[in-house]
Amino acid sequence: MSDKVEVENPNSPGRTTRVDAAKYGAMRTALLAALPSEAPGLTVAAAKAALLSQLPDDLFPGGDKAGWWLKCVQLDLEAKRVIARAAGSPVRLYRV
């Protein structure tokens, strides 16, 4: 069983990066639970505030590095078309 997972980025099609599977999985679960299923969705800051309490403290003590992992998972899920951005600014995310 691998402890890494490959993630994609919509800004670099065809390129993947390997990241920690446990942290990715925890953030993915928390992000999808926080996001609504309809546009316009939540701002990234609101999504982060909503999911921080859902993250396991052993992986993200005190929310440490949660912002980096949120962006990593956000971009991967956008590339896989699991979540999308609503039109306009600021960036707002929702489940597809």
PDB file of N, CA and C in Angstrom:
ATOM      1  N   MET A   1       0.846  -1.186   0.000  1.00  0.00           N
ATOM      2  CA  MET A   1       0.000   0.000   0.000  1.00  0.00           C
ATOM      3  C   MET A   1       0.890   1.248   0.000  1.00  0.00           C
ATOM      4  N   SER A   2       0.632   2.137  -0.922  1.00  0.00           N
ATOM      5  CA  SER A   2       1.452   3.339  -1.060  1.00  0.00           C
ATOM      6  C   SER A   2       1.017   4.413  -0.076  1.00  0.00           C
ATOM      7  N   ASP A   3       1.982   5.169   0.413  1.00  0.00           N
ATOM      8  CA  ASP A   3       1.667   6.267   1.315  1.00  0.00           C
ATOM      9  C   ASP A   3       1.658   7.590   0.564  1.00  0.00           C
ATOM     10  N   LYS A   4       1.672   7.511  -0.763  1.00  0.00           N
ATOM     11  CA  LYS A   4       1.636   8.707  -1.615  1.00  0.00           C
ATOM     12  C   LYS A   4       0.463   8.601  -2.584  1.00  0.00           C
ATOM     13  N   VAL A   5      -0.009   9.742  -3.045  1.00  0.00           N
ATOM     14  CA  VAL A   5      -1.063   9.804  -4.050  1.00  0.00           C
ATOM     15  C   VAL A   5      -0.634  10.828  -5.094  1.00  0.00           C
ATOM     16  N   GLU A   6      -0.989  10.576  -6.354  1.00  0.00           N
ATOM     17  CA  GLU A   6      -0.648  11.519  -7.418  1.00  0.00           C
ATOM     18  C   GLU A   6      -1.728  12.575  -7.532  1.00  0.00           C
ATOM     19  N   VAL A   7      -1.300  13.836  -7.605  1.00  0.00           N
ATOM     20  CA  VAL A   7      -2.243  14.940  -7.765  1.00  0.00           C
ATOM     21  C   VAL A   7      -1.955  15.665  -9.072  1.00  0.00           C
ATOM     22  N   GLU A   8      -3.008  16.246  -9.628  1.00  0.00           N
ATOM     23  CA  GLU A   8      -2.919  16.998 -10.868  1.00  0.00           C
ATOM     24  C   GLU A   8      -3.102  18.479 -10.587  1.00  0.00           C
ATOM     25  N   ASN A   9      -2.818  19.281 -11.601  1.00  0.00           N
ATOM     26  CA  ASN A   9      -2.990  20.728 -11.511  1.00  0.00           C
ATOM     27  C   ASN A   9      -3.563  21.194 -12.840  1.00  0.00           C
ATOM     28  N   PRO A  10      -4.704  21.899 -12.844  1.00  0.00           N
ATOM     29  CA  PRO A  10      -5.296  22.334 -14.108  1.00  0.00           C
ATOM     30  C   PRO A  10      -4.406  23.328 -14.868  1.00  0.00           C
ATOM     31  N   ASN A  11      -3.462  23.940 -14.175  1.00  0.00           N
ATOM     32  CA  ASN A  11      -2.563  24.894 -14.822  1.00  0.00           C
ATOM     33  C   ASN A  11      -1.388  24.212 -15.509  1.00  0.00           C
ATOM     34  N   SER A  12      -1.175  22.919 -15.217  1.00  0.00           N
ATOM     35  CA  SER A  12      -0.088  22.139 -15.825  1.00  0.00           C
ATOM     36  C   SER A  12      -0.634  20.787 -16.268  1.00  0.00           C
ATOM     37  N   PRO A  13      -1.455  20.754 -17.321  1.00  0.00           N
ATOM     38  CA  PRO A  13      -2.069  19.495 -17.756  1.00  0.00           C
ATOM     39  C   PRO A  13      -1.013  18.433 -18.067  1.00  0.00           C
ATOM     40  N   GLY A  14      -1.302  17.202 -17.657  1.00  0.00           N
ATOM     41  CA  GLY A  14      -0.412  16.095 -17.924  1.00  0.00           C
ATOM     42  C   GLY A  14       0.701  15.912 -16.916  1.00  0.00           C
ATOM     43  N   ARG A  15       0.901  16.857 -16.040  1.00  0.00           N
ATOM     44  CA  ARG A  15       1.959  16.775 -15.025  1.00  0.00           C
ATOM     45  C   ARG A  15       1.329  16.374 -13.701  1.00  0.00           C
ATOM     46  N   THR A  16       1.947  15.424 -13.017  1.00  0.00           N
ATOM     47  CA  THR A  16       1.455  15.010 -11.711  1.00  0.00           C
ATOM     48  C   THR A  16       2.564  15.142 -10.678  1.00  0.00           C
ATOM     49  N   THR A  17       2.151  15.235  -9.441  1.00  0.00           N
ATOM     50  CA  THR A  17       3.061  15.308  -8.304  1.00  0.00           C
ATOM     51  C   THR A  17       2.568  14.314  -7.266  1.00  0.00           C
ATOM     52  N   ARG A  18       3.491  13.695  -6.542  1.00  0.00           N
ATOM     53  CA  ARG A  18       3.117  12.744  -5.497  1.00  0.00           C
ATOM     54  C   ARG A  18       3.183  13.435  -4.134  1.00  0.00           C
ATOM     55  N   VAL A  19       2.109  13.263  -3.362  1.00  0.00           N
ATOM     56  CA  VAL A  19       2.024  13.874  -2.035  1.00  0.00           C
ATOM     57  C   VAL A  19       1.543  12.833  -1.025  1.00  0.00           C
ATOM     58  N   ASP A  20       1.667  13.162   0.250  1.00  0.00           N
ATOM     59  CA  ASP A  20       1.262  12.283   1.345  1.00  0.00           C
ATOM     60  C   ASP A  20      -0.222  11.921   1.231  1.00  0.00           C
ATOM     61  N   ALA A  21      -0.506  10.622   1.177  1.00  0.00           N
ATOM     62  CA  ALA A  21      -1.872  10.147   0.978  1.00  0.00           C
ATOM     63  C   ALA A  21      -2.777  10.435   2.176  1.00  0.00           C
ATOM     64  N   ALA A  22      -2.268  10.317   3.381  1.00  0.00           N
ATOM     65  CA  ALA A  22      -3.100  10.535   4.573  1.00  0.00           C
ATOM     66  C   ALA A  22      -3.546  11.987   4.670  1.00  0.00           C
ATOM     67  N   LYS A  23      -2.620  12.909   4.466  1.00  0.00           N
ATOM     68  CA  LYS A  23      -2.977  14.328   4.543  1.00  0.00           C
ATOM     69  C   LYS A  23      -3.893  14.712   3.388  1.00  0.00           C
ATOM     70  N   TYR A  24      -3.605  14.194   2.199  1.00  0.00           N
ATOM     71  CA  TYR A  24      -4.460  14.475   1.043  1.00  0.00           C
ATOM     72  C   TYR A  24      -5.882  13.972   1.315  1.00  0.00           C
ATOM     73  N   GLY A  25      -5.995  12.741   1.786  1.00  0.00           N
ATOM     74  CA  GLY A  25      -7.314  12.164   2.040  1.00  0.00           C
ATOM     75  C   GLY A  25      -8.101  12.921   3.086  1.00  0.00           C
ATOM     76  N   ALA A  26      -7.436  13.314   4.152  1.00  0.00           N
ATOM     77  CA  ALA A  26      -8.112  14.061   5.215  1.00  0.00           C
ATOM     78  C   ALA A  26      -8.598  15.421   4.695  1.00  0.00           C
ATOM     79  N   MET A  27      -7.754  16.106   3.936  1.00  0.00           N
ATOM     80  CA  MET A  27      -8.145  17.412   3.411  1.00  0.00           C
ATOM     81  C   MET A  27      -9.243  17.273   2.366  1.00  0.00           C
ATOM     82  N   ARG A  28      -9.152  16.261   1.521  1.00  0.00           N
ATOM     83  CA  ARG A  28     -10.173  16.049   0.488  1.00  0.00           C
ATOM     84  C   ARG A  28     -11.541  15.823   1.132  1.00  0.00           C
ATOM     85  N   THR A  29     -11.576  14.960   2.133  1.00  0.00           N
ATOM     86  CA  THR A  29     -12.830  14.674   2.834  1.00  0.00           C
ATOM     87  C   THR A  29     -13.403  15.938   3.469  1.00  0.00           C
ATOM     88  N   ALA A  30     -12.560  16.691   4.152  1.00  0.00           N
ATOM     89  CA  ALA A  30     -13.010  17.909   4.829  1.00  0.00           C
ATOM     90  C   ALA A  30     -13.467  18.965   3.826  1.00  0.00           C
ATOM     91  N   LEU A  31     -12.734  19.130   2.728  1.00  0.00           N
ATOM     92  CA  LEU A  31     -13.092  20.141   1.721  1.00  0.00           C
ATOM     93  C   LEU A  31     -14.417  19.797   1.058  1.00  0.00           C
ATOM     94  N   LEU A  32     -14.579  18.545   0.637  1.00  0.00           N
ATOM     95  CA  LEU A  32     -15.838  18.168  -0.018  1.00  0.00           C
ATOM     96  C   LEU A  32     -17.025  18.286   0.922  1.00  0.00           C
ATOM     97  N   ALA A  33     -16.812  18.026   2.209  1.00  0.00           N
ATOM     98  CA  ALA A  33     -17.895  18.177   3.187  1.00  0.00           C
ATOM     99  C   ALA A  33     -18.263  19.642   3.390  1.00  0.00           C
ATOM    100  N   ALA A  34     -17.287  20.531   3.250  1.00  0.00           N
ATOM    101  CA  ALA A  34     -17.527  21.962   3.489  1.00  0.00           C
ATOM    102  C   ALA A  34     -18.175  22.661   2.294  1.00  0.00           C
ATOM    103  N   LEU A  35     -17.893  22.193   1.084  1.00  0.00           N
ATOM    104  CA  LEU A  35     -18.360  22.899  -0.109  1.00  0.00           C
ATOM    105  C   LEU A  35     -19.810  22.574  -0.440  1.00  0.00           C
ATOM    106  N   PRO A  36     -20.581  23.591  -0.836  1.00  0.00           N
ATOM    107  CA  PRO A  36     -21.949  23.349  -1.283  1.00  0.00           C
ATOM    108  C   PRO A  36     -21.946  22.735  -2.686  1.00  0.00           C
ATOM    109  N   SER A  37     -23.080  22.174  -3.085  1.00  0.00           N
ATOM    110  CA  SER A  37     -23.161  21.525  -4.384  1.00  0.00           C
ATOM    111  C   SER A  37     -23.658  22.462  -5.486  1.00  0.00           C
ATOM    112  N   GLU A  38     -23.851  23.723  -5.170  1.00  0.00           N
ATOM    113  CA  GLU A  38     -24.324  24.672  -6.176  1.00  0.00           C
ATOM    114  C   GLU A  38     -23.490  25.940  -6.147  1.00  0.00           C
ATOM    115  N   ALA A  39     -23.372  26.564  -7.320  1.00  0.00           N
ATOM    116  CA  ALA A  39     -22.695  27.855  -7.428  1.00  0.00           C
ATOM    117  C   ALA A  39     -23.534  28.885  -6.681  1.00  0.00           C
ATOM    118  N   PRO A  40     -22.989  29.930  -6.124  1.00  0.00           N
ATOM    119  CA  PRO A  40     -21.621  30.362  -6.295  1.00  0.00           C
ATOM    120  C   PRO A  40     -20.632  29.673  -5.375  1.00  0.00           C
ATOM    121  N   GLY A  41     -21.065  28.948  -4.373  1.00  0.00           N
ATOM    122  CA  GLY A  41     -20.133  28.236  -3.507  1.00  0.00           C
ATOM    123  C   GLY A  41     -19.532  29.108  -2.422  1.00  0.00           C
ATOM    124  N   LEU A  42     -18.390  28.655  -1.909  1.00  0.00           N
ATOM    125  CA  LEU A  42     -17.694  29.355  -0.834  1.00  0.00           C
ATOM    126  C   LEU A  42     -16.381  29.940  -1.330  1.00  0.00           C
ATOM    127  N   THR A  43     -15.994  31.066  -0.734  1.00  0.00           N
ATOM    128  CA  THR A  43     -14.654  31.575  -1.009  1.00  0.00           C
ATOM    129  C   THR A  43     -13.654  30.587  -0.408  1.00  0.00           C
ATOM    130  N   VAL A  44     -12.432  30.643  -0.858  1.00  0.00           N
ATOM    131  CA  VAL A  44     -11.405  29.751  -0.329  1.00  0.00           C
ATOM    132  C   VAL A  44     -11.222  29.996   1.171  1.00  0.00           C
ATOM    133  N   ALA A  45     -11.240  31.253   1.583  1.00  0.00           N
ATOM    134  CA  ALA A  45     -11.089  31.585   3.001  1.00  0.00           C
ATOM    135  C   ALA A  45     -12.246  31.012   3.827  1.00  0.00           C
ATOM    136  N   ALA A  46     -13.466  31.111   3.319  1.00  0.00           N
ATOM    137  CA  ALA A  46     -14.622  30.569   4.033  1.00  0.00           C
ATOM    138  C   ALA A  46     -14.563  29.043   4.076  1.00  0.00           C
ATOM    139  N   ALA A  47     -14.119  28.432   2.993  1.00  0.00           N
ATOM    140  CA  ALA A  47     -13.974  26.975   2.969  1.00  0.00           C
ATOM    141  C   ALA A  47     -12.938  26.534   3.997  1.00  0.00           C
ATOM    142  N   LYS A  48     -11.823  27.246   4.068  1.00  0.00           N
ATOM    143  CA  LYS A  48     -10.782  26.903   5.035  1.00  0.00           C
ATOM    144  C   LYS A  48     -11.314  27.029   6.458  1.00  0.00           C
ATOM    145  N   ALA A  49     -12.027  28.106   6.745  1.00  0.00           N
ATOM    146  CA  ALA A  49     -12.584  28.299   8.083  1.00  0.00           C
ATOM    147  C   ALA A  49     -13.564  27.173   8.431  1.00  0.00           C
ATOM    148  N   ALA A  50     -14.341  26.725   7.438  1.00  0.00           N
ATOM    149  CA  ALA A  50     -15.335  25.683   7.677  1.00  0.00           C
ATOM    150  C   ALA A  50     -14.707  24.306   7.878  1.00  0.00           C
ATOM    151  N   LEU A  51     -13.580  24.055   7.249  1.00  0.00           N
ATOM    152  CA  LEU A  51     -13.019  22.703   7.316  1.00  0.00           C
ATOM    153  C   LEU A  51     -11.954  22.504   8.386  1.00  0.00           C
ATOM    154  N   LEU A  52     -11.409  23.572   8.934  1.00  0.00           N
ATOM    155  CA  LEU A  52     -10.332  23.434   9.918  1.00  0.00           C
ATOM    156  C   LEU A  52     -10.695  22.522  11.088  1.00  0.00           C
ATOM    157  N   SER A  53     -11.897  22.628  11.583  1.00  0.00           N
ATOM    158  CA  SER A  53     -12.298  21.818  12.734  1.00  0.00           C
ATOM    159  C   SER A  53     -12.489  20.346  12.365  1.00  0.00           C
ATOM    160  N   GLN A  54     -12.582  20.054  11.076  1.00  0.00           N
ATOM    161  CA  GLN A  54     -12.791  18.677  10.622  1.00  0.00           C
ATOM    162  C   GLN A  54     -11.486  17.912  10.399  1.00  0.00           C
ATOM    163  N   LEU A  55     -10.346  18.626  10.428  1.00  0.00           N
ATOM    164  CA  LEU A  55      -9.060  17.991  10.152  1.00  0.00           C
ATOM    165  C   LEU A  55      -8.525  17.277  11.384  1.00  0.00           C
ATOM    166  N   PRO A  56      -7.961  16.079  11.211  1.00  0.00           N
ATOM    167  CA  PRO A  56      -7.389  15.369  12.357  1.00  0.00           C
ATOM    168  C   PRO A  56      -6.176  16.103  12.911  1.00  0.00           C
ATOM    169  N   ASP A  57      -6.142  16.250  14.213  1.00  0.00           N
ATOM    170  CA  ASP A  57      -5.075  17.019  14.852  1.00  0.00           C
ATOM    171  C   ASP A  57      -3.707  16.332  14.740  1.00  0.00           C
ATOM    172  N   ASP A  58      -3.690  15.022  14.566  1.00  0.00           N
ATOM    173  CA  ASP A  58      -2.397  14.348  14.433  1.00  0.00           C
ATOM    174  C   ASP A  58      -1.744  14.645  13.081  1.00  0.00           C
ATOM    175  N   LEU A  59      -2.550  14.947  12.059  1.00  0.00           N
ATOM    176  CA  LEU A  59      -2.010  15.285  10.740  1.00  0.00           C
ATOM    177  C   LEU A  59      -1.815  16.785  10.559  1.00  0.00           C
ATOM    178  N   PHE A  60      -2.693  17.565  11.153  1.00  0.00           N
ATOM    179  CA  PHE A  60      -2.658  19.028  11.027  1.00  0.00           C
ATOM    180  C   PHE A  60      -2.729  19.665  12.409  1.00  0.00           C
ATOM    181  N   PRO A  61      -1.686  19.544  13.221  1.00  0.00           N
ATOM    182  CA  PRO A  61      -1.741  20.096  14.587  1.00  0.00           C
ATOM    183  C   PRO A  61      -1.952  21.608  14.565  1.00  0.00           C
ATOM    184  N   GLY A  62      -3.056  22.021  15.155  1.00  0.00           N
ATOM    185  CA  GLY A  62      -3.377  23.444  15.196  1.00  0.00           C
ATOM    186  C   GLY A  62      -3.643  24.043  13.822  1.00  0.00           C
ATOM    187  N   GLY A  63      -3.987  23.197  12.848  1.00  0.00           N
ATOM    188  CA  GLY A  63      -4.230  23.692  11.488  1.00  0.00           C
ATOM    189  C   GLY A  63      -2.959  23.941  10.708  1.00  0.00           C
ATOM    190  N   ASP A  64      -1.825  23.468  11.227  1.00  0.00           N
ATOM    191  CA  ASP A  64      -0.527  23.677  10.586  1.00  0.00           C
ATOM    192  C   ASP A  64      -0.523  23.146   9.155  1.00  0.00           C
ATOM    193  N   LYS A  65      -0.109  23.990   8.226  1.00  0.00           N
ATOM    194  CA  LYS A  65       0.018  23.664   6.791  1.00  0.00           C
ATOM    195  C   LYS A  65      -1.322  23.412   6.100  1.00  0.00           C
ATOM    196  N   ALA A  66      -2.431  23.716   6.746  1.00  0.00           N
ATOM    197  CA  ALA A  66      -3.742  23.470   6.151  1.00  0.00           C
ATOM    198  C   ALA A  66      -3.952  24.296   4.885  1.00  0.00           C
ATOM    199  N   GLY A  67      -3.433  25.504   4.841  1.00  0.00           N
ATOM    200  CA  GLY A  67      -3.583  26.350   3.653  1.00  0.00           C
ATOM    201  C   GLY A  67      -2.914  25.745   2.430  1.00  0.00           C
ATOM    202  N   TRP A  68      -1.700  25.206   2.614  1.00  0.00           N
ATOM    203  CA  TRP A  68      -0.989  24.584   1.500  1.00  0.00           C
ATOM    204  C   TRP A  68      -1.740  23.356   1.012  1.00  0.00           C
ATOM    205  N   TRP A  69      -2.190  22.513   1.938  1.00  0.00           N
ATOM    206  CA  TRP A  69      -2.908  21.302   1.572  1.00  0.00           C
ATOM    207  C   TRP A  69      -4.264  21.617   0.957  1.00  0.00           C
ATOM    208  N   LEU A  70      -4.915  22.662   1.421  1.00  0.00           N
ATOM    209  CA  LEU A  70      -6.183  23.081   0.816  1.00  0.00           C
ATOM    210  C   LEU A  70      -5.964  23.430  -0.647  1.00  0.00           C
ATOM    211  N   LYS A  71      -4.941  24.217  -0.955  1.00  0.00           N
ATOM    212  CA  LYS A  71      -4.667  24.604  -2.340  1.00  0.00           C
ATOM    213  C   LYS A  71      -4.304  23.382  -3.182  1.00  0.00           C
ATOM    214  N   CYS A  72      -3.498  22.484  -2.634  1.00  0.00           N
ATOM    215  CA  CYS A  72      -3.104  21.262  -3.341  1.00  0.00           C
ATOM    216  C   CYS A  72      -4.333  20.441  -3.731  1.00  0.00           C
ATOM    217  N   VAL A  73      -5.198  20.191  -2.766  1.00  0.00           N
ATOM    218  CA  VAL A  73      -6.392  19.386  -3.011  1.00  0.00           C
ATOM    219  C   VAL A  73      -7.365  20.141  -3.915  1.00  0.00           C
ATOM    220  N   GLN A  74      -7.499  21.444  -3.713  1.00  0.00           N
ATOM    221  CA  GLN A  74      -8.379  22.254  -4.555  1.00  0.00           C
ATOM    222  C   GLN A  74      -7.982  22.112  -6.022  1.00  0.00           C
ATOM    223  N   LEU A  75      -6.725  22.312  -6.329  1.00  0.00           N
ATOM    224  CA  LEU A  75      -6.273  22.246  -7.718  1.00  0.00           C
ATOM    225  C   LEU A  75      -6.432  20.844  -8.291  1.00  0.00           C
ATOM    226  N   ASP A  76      -6.152  19.818  -7.497  1.00  0.00           N
ATOM    227  CA  ASP A  76      -6.324  18.444  -7.963  1.00  0.00           C
ATOM    228  C   ASP A  76      -7.789  18.158  -8.280  1.00  0.00           C
ATOM    229  N   LEU A  77      -8.681  18.549  -7.384  1.00  0.00           N
ATOM    230  CA  LEU A  77     -10.104  18.293  -7.608  1.00  0.00           C
ATOM    231  C   LEU A  77     -10.658  19.125  -8.757  1.00  0.00           C
ATOM    232  N   GLU A  78     -10.114  20.315  -8.974  1.00  0.00           N
ATOM    233  CA  GLU A  78     -10.514  21.101 -10.146  1.00  0.00           C
ATOM    234  C   GLU A  78     -10.063  20.399 -11.418  1.00  0.00           C
ATOM    235  N   ALA A  79      -8.829  19.891 -11.443  1.00  0.00           N
ATOM    236  CA  ALA A  79      -8.306  19.193 -12.621  1.00  0.00           C
ATOM    237  C   ALA A  79      -9.129  17.946 -12.926  1.00  0.00           C
ATOM    238  N   LYS A  80      -9.635  17.299 -11.886  1.00  0.00           N
ATOM    239  CA  LYS A  80     -10.433  16.079 -12.052  1.00  0.00           C
ATOM    240  C   LYS A  80     -11.917  16.383 -12.206  1.00  0.00           C
ATOM    241  N   ARG A  81     -12.280  17.652 -12.210  1.00  0.00           N
ATOM    242  CA  ARG A  81     -13.652  18.122 -12.370  1.00  0.00           C
ATOM    243  C   ARG A  81     -14.613  17.601 -11.293  1.00  0.00           C
ATOM    244  N   VAL A  82     -14.077  17.513 -10.075  1.00  0.00           N
ATOM    245  CA  VAL A  82     -14.899  17.138  -8.922  1.00  0.00           C
ATOM    246  C   VAL A  82     -15.474  18.398  -8.290  1.00  0.00           C
ATOM    247  N   ILE A  83     -14.692  19.484  -8.319  1.00  0.00           N
ATOM    248  CA  ILE A  83     -15.166  20.794  -7.877  1.00  0.00           C
ATOM    249  C   ILE A  83     -14.916  21.782  -9.007  1.00  0.00           C
ATOM    250  N   ALA A  84     -15.574  22.937  -8.914  1.00  0.00           N
ATOM    251  CA  ALA A  84     -15.413  23.966  -9.943  1.00  0.00           C
ATOM    252  C   ALA A  84     -15.399  25.336  -9.293  1.00  0.00           C
ATOM    253  N   ARG A  85     -14.910  26.306 -10.071  1.00  0.00           N
ATOM    254  CA  ARG A  85     -14.914  27.704  -9.642  1.00  0.00           C
ATOM    255  C   ARG A  85     -16.118  28.403 -10.262  1.00  0.00           C
ATOM    256  N   ALA A  86     -16.792  29.213  -9.477  1.00  0.00           N
ATOM    257  CA  ALA A  86     -17.864  30.042 -10.003  1.00  0.00           C
ATOM    258  C   ALA A  86     -17.222  31.225 -10.736  1.00  0.00           C
ATOM    259  N   ALA A  87     -17.949  31.788 -11.665  1.00  0.00           N
ATOM    260  CA  ALA A  87     -17.451  32.940 -12.411  1.00  0.00           C
ATOM    261  C   ALA A  87     -17.290  34.133 -11.475  1.00  0.00           C
ATOM    262  N   GLY A  88     -16.344  34.988 -11.797  1.00  0.00           N
ATOM    263  CA  GLY A  88     -16.141  36.222 -11.038  1.00  0.00           C
ATOM    264  C   GLY A  88     -15.064  36.108  -9.992  1.00  0.00           C
ATOM    265  N   SER A  89     -14.934  37.197  -9.272  1.00  0.00           N
ATOM    266  CA  SER A  89     -13.919  37.308  -8.244  1.00  0.00           C
ATOM    267  C   SER A  89     -14.604  37.673  -6.947  1.00  0.00           C
ATOM    268  N   PRO A  90     -14.186  37.204  -5.810  1.00  0.00           N
ATOM    269  CA  PRO A  90     -13.068  36.310  -5.546  1.00  0.00           C
ATOM    270  C   PRO A  90     -13.395  34.889  -5.965  1.00  0.00           C
ATOM    271  N   VAL A  91     -12.390  34.020  -5.935  1.00  0.00           N
ATOM    272  CA  VAL A  91     -12.588  32.604  -6.277  1.00  0.00           C
ATOM    273  C   VAL A  91     -13.586  32.010  -5.302  1.00  0.00           C
ATOM    274  N   ARG A  92     -14.604  31.353  -5.866  1.00  0.00           N
ATOM    275  CA  ARG A  92     -15.600  30.652  -5.074  1.00  0.00           C
ATOM    276  C   ARG A  92     -15.680  29.228  -5.609  1.00  0.00           C
ATOM    277  N   LEU A  93     -15.701  28.269  -4.706  1.00  0.00           N
ATOM    278  CA  LEU A  93     -15.669  26.855  -5.083  1.00  0.00           C
ATOM    279  C   LEU A  93     -16.964  26.162  -4.705  1.00  0.00           C
ATOM    280  N   TYR A  94     -17.344  25.175  -5.532  1.00  0.00           N
ATOM    281  CA  TYR A  94     -18.503  24.356  -5.244  1.00  0.00           C
ATOM    282  C   TYR A  94     -18.287  22.954  -5.836  1.00  0.00           C
ATOM    283  N   ARG A  95     -19.008  21.965  -5.278  1.00  0.00           N
ATOM    284  CA  ARG A  95     -18.922  20.597  -5.792  1.00  0.00           C
ATOM    285  C   ARG A  95     -19.703  20.497  -7.104  1.00  0.00           C
ATOM    286  N   VAL A  96     -19.166  19.707  -8.022  1.00  0.00           N
ATOM    287  CA  VAL A  96     -19.830  19.527  -9.319  1.00  0.00           C
ATOM    288  C   VAL A  96     -20.852  18.407  -9.189  1.00  0.00           C
TER     289      VAL A  96
END
